[in-house]
Amino acid sequence: MLNYQGGMQLFNAEVTGITHDKLRPRVSYTAKGLWLVYICLTVLLIVLLAFSEMDIFDAVCYGLSTMSTEVLPHRICP
């Protein structure tokens, strides 16, 4: 909707202080920050699982699935 002329007029009328030129860098900066947090937490979880009694393949599989679904598998939970 923002690509059309009417959408840009609506955006500029409703949003004060932000222009569409300033919005895109902020959104990409926020997205990069979220990806960095996700990657850091995933790597940390994989390392912690690898230091437990789990082999590296299972640690990677469980780490990736846990971070994406926010649920620990039954094998880890008592």
PDB file of N, CA and C in Angstrom:
ATOM      1  N   MET A   1       0.819  -1.181   0.000  1.00  0.00           N
ATOM      2  CA  MET A   1       0.000   0.000   0.000  1.00  0.00           C
ATOM      3  C   MET A   1       0.872   1.257   0.000  1.00  0.00           C
ATOM      4  N   LEU A   2       2.030   1.183   0.625  1.00  0.00           N
ATOM      5  CA  LEU A   2       2.874   2.371   0.703  1.00  0.00           C
ATOM      6  C   LEU A   2       3.585   2.668  -0.616  1.00  0.00           C
ATOM      7  N   ASN A   3       3.566   1.731  -1.554  1.00  0.00           N
ATOM      8  CA  ASN A   3       4.231   1.973  -2.825  1.00  0.00           C
ATOM      9  C   ASN A   3       3.422   2.886  -3.733  1.00  0.00           C
ATOM     10  N   TYR A   4       2.148   2.967  -3.498  1.00  0.00           N
ATOM     11  CA  TYR A   4       1.303   3.799  -4.338  1.00  0.00           C
ATOM     12  C   TYR A   4       1.260   5.216  -3.776  1.00  0.00           C
ATOM     13  N   GLN A   5       0.928   6.164  -4.607  1.00  0.00           N
ATOM     14  CA  GLN A   5       0.913   7.573  -4.194  1.00  0.00           C
ATOM     15  C   GLN A   5      -0.084   7.819  -3.071  1.00  0.00           C
ATOM     16  N   GLY A   6      -1.238   7.230  -3.115  1.00  0.00           N
ATOM     17  CA  GLY A   6      -2.233   7.410  -2.067  1.00  0.00           C
ATOM     18  C   GLY A   6      -1.775   6.834  -0.738  1.00  0.00           C
ATOM     19  N   GLY A   7      -1.071   5.732  -0.785  1.00  0.00           N
ATOM     20  CA  GLY A   7      -0.558   5.123   0.437  1.00  0.00           C
ATOM     21  C   GLY A   7       0.487   5.999   1.098  1.00  0.00           C
ATOM     22  N   MET A   8       1.325   6.636   0.310  1.00  0.00           N
ATOM     23  CA  MET A   8       2.347   7.517   0.881  1.00  0.00           C
ATOM     24  C   MET A   8       1.711   8.766   1.478  1.00  0.00           C
ATOM     25  N   GLN A   9       0.678   9.273   0.838  1.00  0.00           N
ATOM     26  CA  GLN A   9      -0.020  10.437   1.395  1.00  0.00           C
ATOM     27  C   GLN A   9      -0.686  10.071   2.714  1.00  0.00           C
ATOM     28  N   LEU A  10      -1.293   8.892   2.772  1.00  0.00           N
ATOM     29  CA  LEU A  10      -1.919   8.429   4.006  1.00  0.00           C
ATOM     30  C   LEU A  10      -0.868   8.242   5.103  1.00  0.00           C
ATOM     31  N   PHE A  11       0.261   7.658   4.760  1.00  0.00           N
ATOM     32  CA  PHE A  11       1.332   7.458   5.734  1.00  0.00           C
ATOM     33  C   PHE A  11       1.832   8.789   6.273  1.00  0.00           C
ATOM     34  N   ASN A  12       2.095   9.735   5.410  1.00  0.00           N
ATOM     35  CA  ASN A  12       2.593  11.049   5.842  1.00  0.00           C
ATOM     36  C   ASN A  12       1.547  11.816   6.651  1.00  0.00           C
ATOM     37  N   ALA A  13       0.261  11.599   6.370  1.00  0.00           N
ATOM     38  CA  ALA A  13      -0.778  12.290   7.120  1.00  0.00           C
ATOM     39  C   ALA A  13      -0.966  11.697   8.515  1.00  0.00           C
ATOM     40  N   GLU A  14      -0.809  10.403   8.656  1.00  0.00           N
ATOM     41  CA  GLU A  14      -1.072   9.736   9.930  1.00  0.00           C
ATOM     42  C   GLU A  14       0.135   9.714  10.866  1.00  0.00           C
ATOM     43  N   VAL A  15       1.325   9.668  10.340  1.00  0.00           N
ATOM     44  CA  VAL A  15       2.523   9.529  11.153  1.00  0.00           C
ATOM     45  C   VAL A  15       3.205  10.886  11.259  1.00  0.00           C
ATOM     46  N   THR A  16       3.417  11.321  12.477  1.00  0.00           N
ATOM     47  CA  THR A  16       4.087  12.604  12.656  1.00  0.00           C
ATOM     48  C   THR A  16       5.528  12.379  13.071  1.00  0.00           C
ATOM     49  N   GLY A  17       6.410  13.179  12.532  1.00  0.00           N
ATOM     50  CA  GLY A  17       7.809  13.130  12.913  1.00  0.00           C
ATOM     51  C   GLY A  17       8.642  12.101  12.167  1.00  0.00           C
ATOM     52  N   ILE A  18       8.021  11.153  11.487  1.00  0.00           N
ATOM     53  CA  ILE A  18       8.756  10.114  10.755  1.00  0.00           C
ATOM     54  C   ILE A  18       8.370  10.227   9.287  1.00  0.00           C
ATOM     55  N   THR A  19       9.338  10.277   8.438  1.00  0.00           N
ATOM     56  CA  THR A  19       9.055  10.221   7.006  1.00  0.00           C
ATOM     57  C   THR A  19       9.345   8.808   6.520  1.00  0.00           C
ATOM     58  N   HIS A  20       8.818   8.475   5.364  1.00  0.00           N
ATOM     59  CA  HIS A  20       9.017   7.132   4.845  1.00  0.00           C
ATOM     60  C   HIS A  20      10.485   6.867   4.533  1.00  0.00           C
ATOM     61  N   ASP A  21      11.274   7.914   4.322  1.00  0.00           N
ATOM     62  CA  ASP A  21      12.698   7.726   4.079  1.00  0.00           C
ATOM     63  C   ASP A  21      13.424   7.282   5.337  1.00  0.00           C
ATOM     64  N   LYS A  22      12.964   7.729   6.503  1.00  0.00           N
ATOM     65  CA  LYS A  22      13.600   7.367   7.761  1.00  0.00           C
ATOM     66  C   LYS A  22      13.096   6.034   8.303  1.00  0.00           C
ATOM     67  N   LEU A  23      11.953   5.568   7.846  1.00  0.00           N
ATOM     68  CA  LEU A  23      11.358   4.356   8.391  1.00  0.00           C
ATOM     69  C   LEU A  23      12.126   3.106   7.982  1.00  0.00           C
ATOM     70  N   ARG A  24      12.532   3.009   6.758  1.00  0.00           N
ATOM     71  CA  ARG A  24      13.198   1.806   6.257  1.00  0.00           C
ATOM     72  C   ARG A  24      14.518   1.514   6.979  1.00  0.00           C
ATOM     73  N   PRO A  25      15.408   2.481   7.215  1.00  0.00           N
ATOM     74  CA  PRO A  25      16.632   2.151   7.948  1.00  0.00           C
ATOM     75  C   PRO A  25      16.362   1.680   9.373  1.00  0.00           C
ATOM     76  N   ARG A  26      15.354   2.244  10.027  1.00  0.00           N
ATOM     77  CA  ARG A  26      15.043   1.805  11.388  1.00  0.00           C
ATOM     78  C   ARG A  26      14.518   0.380  11.408  1.00  0.00           C
ATOM     79  N   VAL A  27      13.681   0.035  10.446  1.00  0.00           N
ATOM     80  CA  VAL A  27      13.132  -1.321  10.396  1.00  0.00           C
ATOM     81  C   VAL A  27      14.247  -2.322  10.112  1.00  0.00           C
ATOM     82  N   SER A  28      15.134  -2.018   9.187  1.00  0.00           N
ATOM     83  CA  SER A  28      16.219  -2.946   8.887  1.00  0.00           C
ATOM     84  C   SER A  28      17.188  -3.046  10.057  1.00  0.00           C
ATOM     85  N   TYR A  29      17.431  -1.955  10.766  1.00  0.00           N
ATOM     86  CA  TYR A  29      18.297  -1.983  11.937  1.00  0.00           C
ATOM     87  C   TYR A  29      17.683  -2.845  13.040  1.00  0.00           C
ATOM     88  N   THR A  30      16.385  -2.722  13.253  1.00  0.00           N
ATOM     89  CA  THR A  30      15.699  -3.529  14.252  1.00  0.00           C
ATOM     90  C   THR A  30      15.703  -5.003  13.865  1.00  0.00           C
ATOM     91  N   ALA A  31      15.472  -5.296  12.602  1.00  0.00           N
ATOM     92  CA  ALA A  31      15.472  -6.689  12.146  1.00  0.00           C
ATOM     93  C   ALA A  31      16.851  -7.315  12.316  1.00  0.00           C
ATOM     94  N   LYS A  32      17.900  -6.568  12.004  1.00  0.00           N
ATOM     95  CA  LYS A  32      19.259  -7.086  12.184  1.00  0.00           C
ATOM     96  C   LYS A  32      19.549  -7.339  13.658  1.00  0.00           C
ATOM     97  N   GLY A  33      19.071  -6.465  14.525  1.00  0.00           N
ATOM     98  CA  GLY A  33      19.258  -6.656  15.957  1.00  0.00           C
ATOM     99  C   GLY A  33      18.545  -7.890  16.470  1.00  0.00           C
ATOM    100  N   LEU A  34      17.323  -8.119  15.986  1.00  0.00           N
ATOM    101  CA  LEU A  34      16.574  -9.310  16.397  1.00  0.00           C
ATOM    102  C   LEU A  34      17.242 -10.590  15.913  1.00  0.00           C
ATOM    103  N   TRP A  35      17.763 -10.570  14.686  1.00  0.00           N
ATOM    104  CA  TRP A  35      18.475 -11.739  14.174  1.00  0.00           C
ATOM    105  C   TRP A  35      19.729 -12.009  14.992  1.00  0.00           C
ATOM    106  N   LEU A  36      20.422 -10.954  15.397  1.00  0.00           N
ATOM    107  CA  LEU A  36      21.629 -11.123  16.209  1.00  0.00           C
ATOM    108  C   LEU A  36      21.294 -11.747  17.562  1.00  0.00           C
ATOM    109  N   VAL A  37      20.227 -11.288  18.189  1.00  0.00           N
ATOM    110  CA  VAL A  37      19.799 -11.866  19.468  1.00  0.00           C
ATOM    111  C   VAL A  37      19.414 -13.327  19.286  1.00  0.00           C
ATOM    112  N   TYR A  38      18.676 -13.641  18.250  1.00  0.00           N
ATOM    113  CA  TYR A  38      18.251 -15.021  17.990  1.00  0.00           C
ATOM    114  C   TYR A  38      19.459 -15.927  17.769  1.00  0.00           C
ATOM    115  N   ILE A  39      20.416 -15.475  16.972  1.00  0.00           N
ATOM    116  CA  ILE A  39      21.600 -16.291  16.684  1.00  0.00           C
ATOM    117  C   ILE A  39      22.437 -16.489  17.941  1.00  0.00           C
ATOM    118  N   CYS A  40      22.613 -15.433  18.721  1.00  0.00           N
ATOM    119  CA  CYS A  40      23.398 -15.548  19.959  1.00  0.00           C
ATOM    120  C   CYS A  40      22.755 -16.510  20.949  1.00  0.00           C
ATOM    121  N   LEU A  41      21.456 -16.404  21.135  1.00  0.00           N
ATOM    122  CA  LEU A  41      20.762 -17.308  22.057  1.00  0.00           C
ATOM    123  C   LEU A  41      20.787 -18.751  21.559  1.00  0.00           C
ATOM    124  N   THR A  42      20.672 -18.937  20.259  1.00  0.00           N
ATOM    125  CA  THR A  42      20.712 -20.281  19.695  1.00  0.00           C
ATOM    126  C   THR A  42      22.089 -20.907  19.897  1.00  0.00           C
ATOM    127  N   VAL A  43      23.133 -20.144  19.611  1.00  0.00           N
ATOM    128  CA  VAL A  43      24.493 -20.663  19.789  1.00  0.00           C
ATOM    129  C   VAL A  43      24.761 -20.962  21.267  1.00  0.00           C
ATOM    130  N   LEU A  44      24.326 -20.074  22.153  1.00  0.00           N
ATOM    131  CA  LEU A  44      24.509 -20.304  23.585  1.00  0.00           C
ATOM    132  C   LEU A  44      23.801 -21.577  24.033  1.00  0.00           C
ATOM    133  N   LEU A  45      22.579 -21.783  23.570  1.00  0.00           N
ATOM    134  CA  LEU A  45      21.836 -22.982  23.938  1.00  0.00           C
ATOM    135  C   LEU A  45      22.513 -24.233  23.403  1.00  0.00           C
ATOM    136  N   ILE A  46      23.008 -24.185  22.176  1.00  0.00           N
ATOM    137  CA  ILE A  46      23.687 -25.342  21.595  1.00  0.00           C
ATOM    138  C   ILE A  46      24.951 -25.665  22.385  1.00  0.00           C
ATOM    139  N   VAL A  47      25.699 -24.650  22.783  1.00  0.00           N
ATOM    140  CA  VAL A  47      26.917 -24.874  23.567  1.00  0.00           C
ATOM    141  C   VAL A  47      26.582 -25.468  24.928  1.00  0.00           C
ATOM    142  N   LEU A  48      25.558 -24.921  25.581  1.00  0.00           N
ATOM    143  CA  LEU A  48      25.170 -25.456  26.892  1.00  0.00           C
ATOM    144  C   LEU A  48      24.677 -26.891  26.787  1.00  0.00           C
ATOM    145  N   LEU A  49      23.919 -27.195  25.745  1.00  0.00           N
ATOM    146  CA  LEU A  49      23.457 -28.574  25.566  1.00  0.00           C
ATOM    147  C   LEU A  49      24.613 -29.501  25.226  1.00  0.00           C
ATOM    148  N   ALA A  50      25.600 -29.013  24.479  1.00  0.00           N
ATOM    149  CA  ALA A  50      26.750 -29.841  24.123  1.00  0.00           C
ATOM    150  C   ALA A  50      27.606 -30.143  25.347  1.00  0.00           C
ATOM    151  N   PHE A  51      27.669 -29.214  26.315  1.00  0.00           N
ATOM    152  CA  PHE A  51      28.430 -29.464  27.534  1.00  0.00           C
ATOM    153  C   PHE A  51      27.696 -30.393  28.494  1.00  0.00           C
ATOM    154  N   SER A  52      26.418 -30.587  28.274  1.00  0.00           N
ATOM    155  CA  SER A  52      25.691 -31.560  29.085  1.00  0.00           C
ATOM    156  C   SER A  52      25.981 -32.949  28.514  1.00  0.00           C
ATOM    157  N   GLU A  53      25.195 -33.908  28.865  1.00  0.00           N
ATOM    158  CA  GLU A  53      25.453 -35.278  28.417  1.00  0.00           C
ATOM    159  C   GLU A  53      24.897 -35.567  27.028  1.00  0.00           C
ATOM    160  N   MET A  54      24.771 -34.558  26.201  1.00  0.00           N
ATOM    161  CA  MET A  54      24.181 -34.706  24.873  1.00  0.00           C
ATOM    162  C   MET A  54      25.284 -34.592  23.821  1.00  0.00           C
ATOM    163  N   ASP A  55      25.211 -35.425  22.779  1.00  0.00           N
ATOM    164  CA  ASP A  55      26.208 -35.281  21.721  1.00  0.00           C
ATOM    165  C   ASP A  55      25.912 -34.059  20.871  1.00  0.00           C
ATOM    166  N   ILE A  56      26.869 -33.674  20.035  1.00  0.00           N
ATOM    167  CA  ILE A  56      26.782 -32.390  19.331  1.00  0.00           C
ATOM    168  C   ILE A  56      25.631 -32.359  18.324  1.00  0.00           C
ATOM    169  N   PHE A  57      25.358 -33.477  17.652  1.00  0.00           N
ATOM    170  CA  PHE A  57      24.265 -33.503  16.685  1.00  0.00           C
ATOM    171  C   PHE A  57      22.919 -33.262  17.365  1.00  0.00           C
ATOM    172  N   ASP A  58      22.685 -33.964  18.475  1.00  0.00           N
ATOM    173  CA  ASP A  58      21.439 -33.758  19.216  1.00  0.00           C
ATOM    174  C   ASP A  58      21.363 -32.351  19.790  1.00  0.00           C
ATOM    175  N   ALA A  59      22.502 -31.819  20.229  1.00  0.00           N
ATOM    176  CA  ALA A  59      22.514 -30.461  20.780  1.00  0.00           C
ATOM    177  C   ALA A  59      22.116 -29.441  19.719  1.00  0.00           C
ATOM    178  N   VAL A  60      22.622 -29.610  18.505  1.00  0.00           N
ATOM    179  CA  VAL A  60      22.252 -28.688  17.423  1.00  0.00           C
ATOM    180  C   VAL A  60      20.777 -28.841  17.072  1.00  0.00           C
ATOM    181  N   CYS A  61      20.315 -30.065  16.950  1.00  0.00           N
ATOM    182  CA  CYS A  61      18.900 -30.294  16.607  1.00  0.00           C
ATOM    183  C   CYS A  61      17.970 -29.737  17.678  1.00  0.00           C
ATOM    184  N   TYR A  62      18.259 -30.048  18.938  1.00  0.00           N
ATOM    185  CA  TYR A  62      17.417 -29.562  20.024  1.00  0.00           C
ATOM    186  C   TYR A  62      17.540 -28.055  20.195  1.00  0.00           C
ATOM    187  N   GLY A  63      18.739 -27.518  20.002  1.00  0.00           N
ATOM    188  CA  GLY A  63      18.931 -26.072  20.128  1.00  0.00           C
ATOM    189  C   GLY A  63      18.143 -25.293  19.089  1.00  0.00           C
ATOM    190  N   LEU A  64      18.191 -25.740  17.845  1.00  0.00           N
ATOM    191  CA  LEU A  64      17.454 -25.044  16.786  1.00  0.00           C
ATOM    192  C   LEU A  64      15.947 -25.188  16.965  1.00  0.00           C
ATOM    193  N   SER A  65      15.494 -26.379  17.360  1.00  0.00           N
ATOM    194  CA  SER A  65      14.045 -26.553  17.514  1.00  0.00           C
ATOM    195  C   SER A  65      13.526 -25.848  18.760  1.00  0.00           C
ATOM    196  N   THR A  66      14.324 -25.783  19.821  1.00  0.00           N
ATOM    197  CA  THR A  66      13.878 -25.117  21.036  1.00  0.00           C
ATOM    198  C   THR A  66      13.777 -23.619  20.831  1.00  0.00           C
ATOM    199  N   MET A  67      14.724 -23.024  20.155  1.00  0.00           N
ATOM    200  CA  MET A  67      14.687 -21.578  19.946  1.00  0.00           C
ATOM    201  C   MET A  67      13.550 -21.178  19.012  1.00  0.00           C
ATOM    202  N   SER A  68      13.195 -22.040  18.077  1.00  0.00           N
ATOM    203  CA  SER A  68      12.128 -21.660  17.146  1.00  0.00           C
ATOM    204  C   SER A  68      10.740 -21.908  17.715  1.00  0.00           C
ATOM    205  N   THR A  69      10.600 -22.872  18.627  1.00  0.00           N
ATOM    206  CA  THR A  69       9.273 -23.190  19.155  1.00  0.00           C
ATOM    207  C   THR A  69       9.107 -22.842  20.626  1.00  0.00           C
ATOM    208  N   GLU A  70      10.181 -22.507  21.319  1.00  0.00           N
ATOM    209  CA  GLU A  70      10.179 -22.143  22.735  1.00  0.00           C
ATOM    210  C   GLU A  70       9.700 -23.273  23.632  1.00  0.00           C
ATOM    211  N   VAL A  71       9.904 -24.513  23.226  1.00  0.00           N
ATOM    212  CA  VAL A  71       9.489 -25.651  24.022  1.00  0.00           C
ATOM    213  C   VAL A  71      10.659 -26.618  24.113  1.00  0.00           C
ATOM    214  N   LEU A  72      11.013 -27.006  25.337  1.00  0.00           N
ATOM    215  CA  LEU A  72      12.055 -28.009  25.500  1.00  0.00           C
ATOM    216  C   LEU A  72      11.494 -29.390  25.198  1.00  0.00           C
ATOM    217  N   PRO A  73      12.270 -30.234  24.550  1.00  0.00           N
ATOM    218  CA  PRO A  73      11.798 -31.589  24.254  1.00  0.00           C
ATOM    219  C   PRO A  73      11.625 -32.407  25.536  1.00  0.00           C
ATOM    220  N   HIS A  74      10.872 -33.472  25.448  1.00  0.00           N
ATOM    221  CA  HIS A  74      10.595 -34.313  26.618  1.00  0.00           C
ATOM    222  C   HIS A  74      11.843 -35.037  27.083  1.00  0.00           C
ATOM    223  N   ARG A  75      12.795 -35.231  26.212  1.00  0.00           N
ATOM    224  CA  ARG A  75      14.016 -35.936  26.576  1.00  0.00           C
ATOM    225  C   ARG A  75      14.828 -35.134  27.601  1.00  0.00           C
ATOM    226  N   ILE A  76      14.760 -33.809  27.534  1.00  0.00           N
ATOM    227  CA  ILE A  76      15.512 -32.958  28.441  1.00  0.00           C
ATOM    228  C   ILE A  76      14.722 -32.679  29.701  1.00  0.00           C
ATOM    229  N   CYS A  77      13.429 -32.416  29.554  1.00  0.00           N
ATOM    230  CA  CYS A  77      12.594 -32.076  30.714  1.00  0.00           C
ATOM    231  C   CYS A  77      12.310 -33.324  31.538  1.00  0.00           C
ATOM    232  N   PRO A  78      12.396 -33.233  32.857  1.00  0.00           N
ATOM    233  CA  PRO A  78      12.110 -34.413  33.694  1.00  0.00           C
ATOM    234  C   PRO A  78      10.635 -34.729  33.733  1.00  0.00           C
TER     235      PRO A  78
END
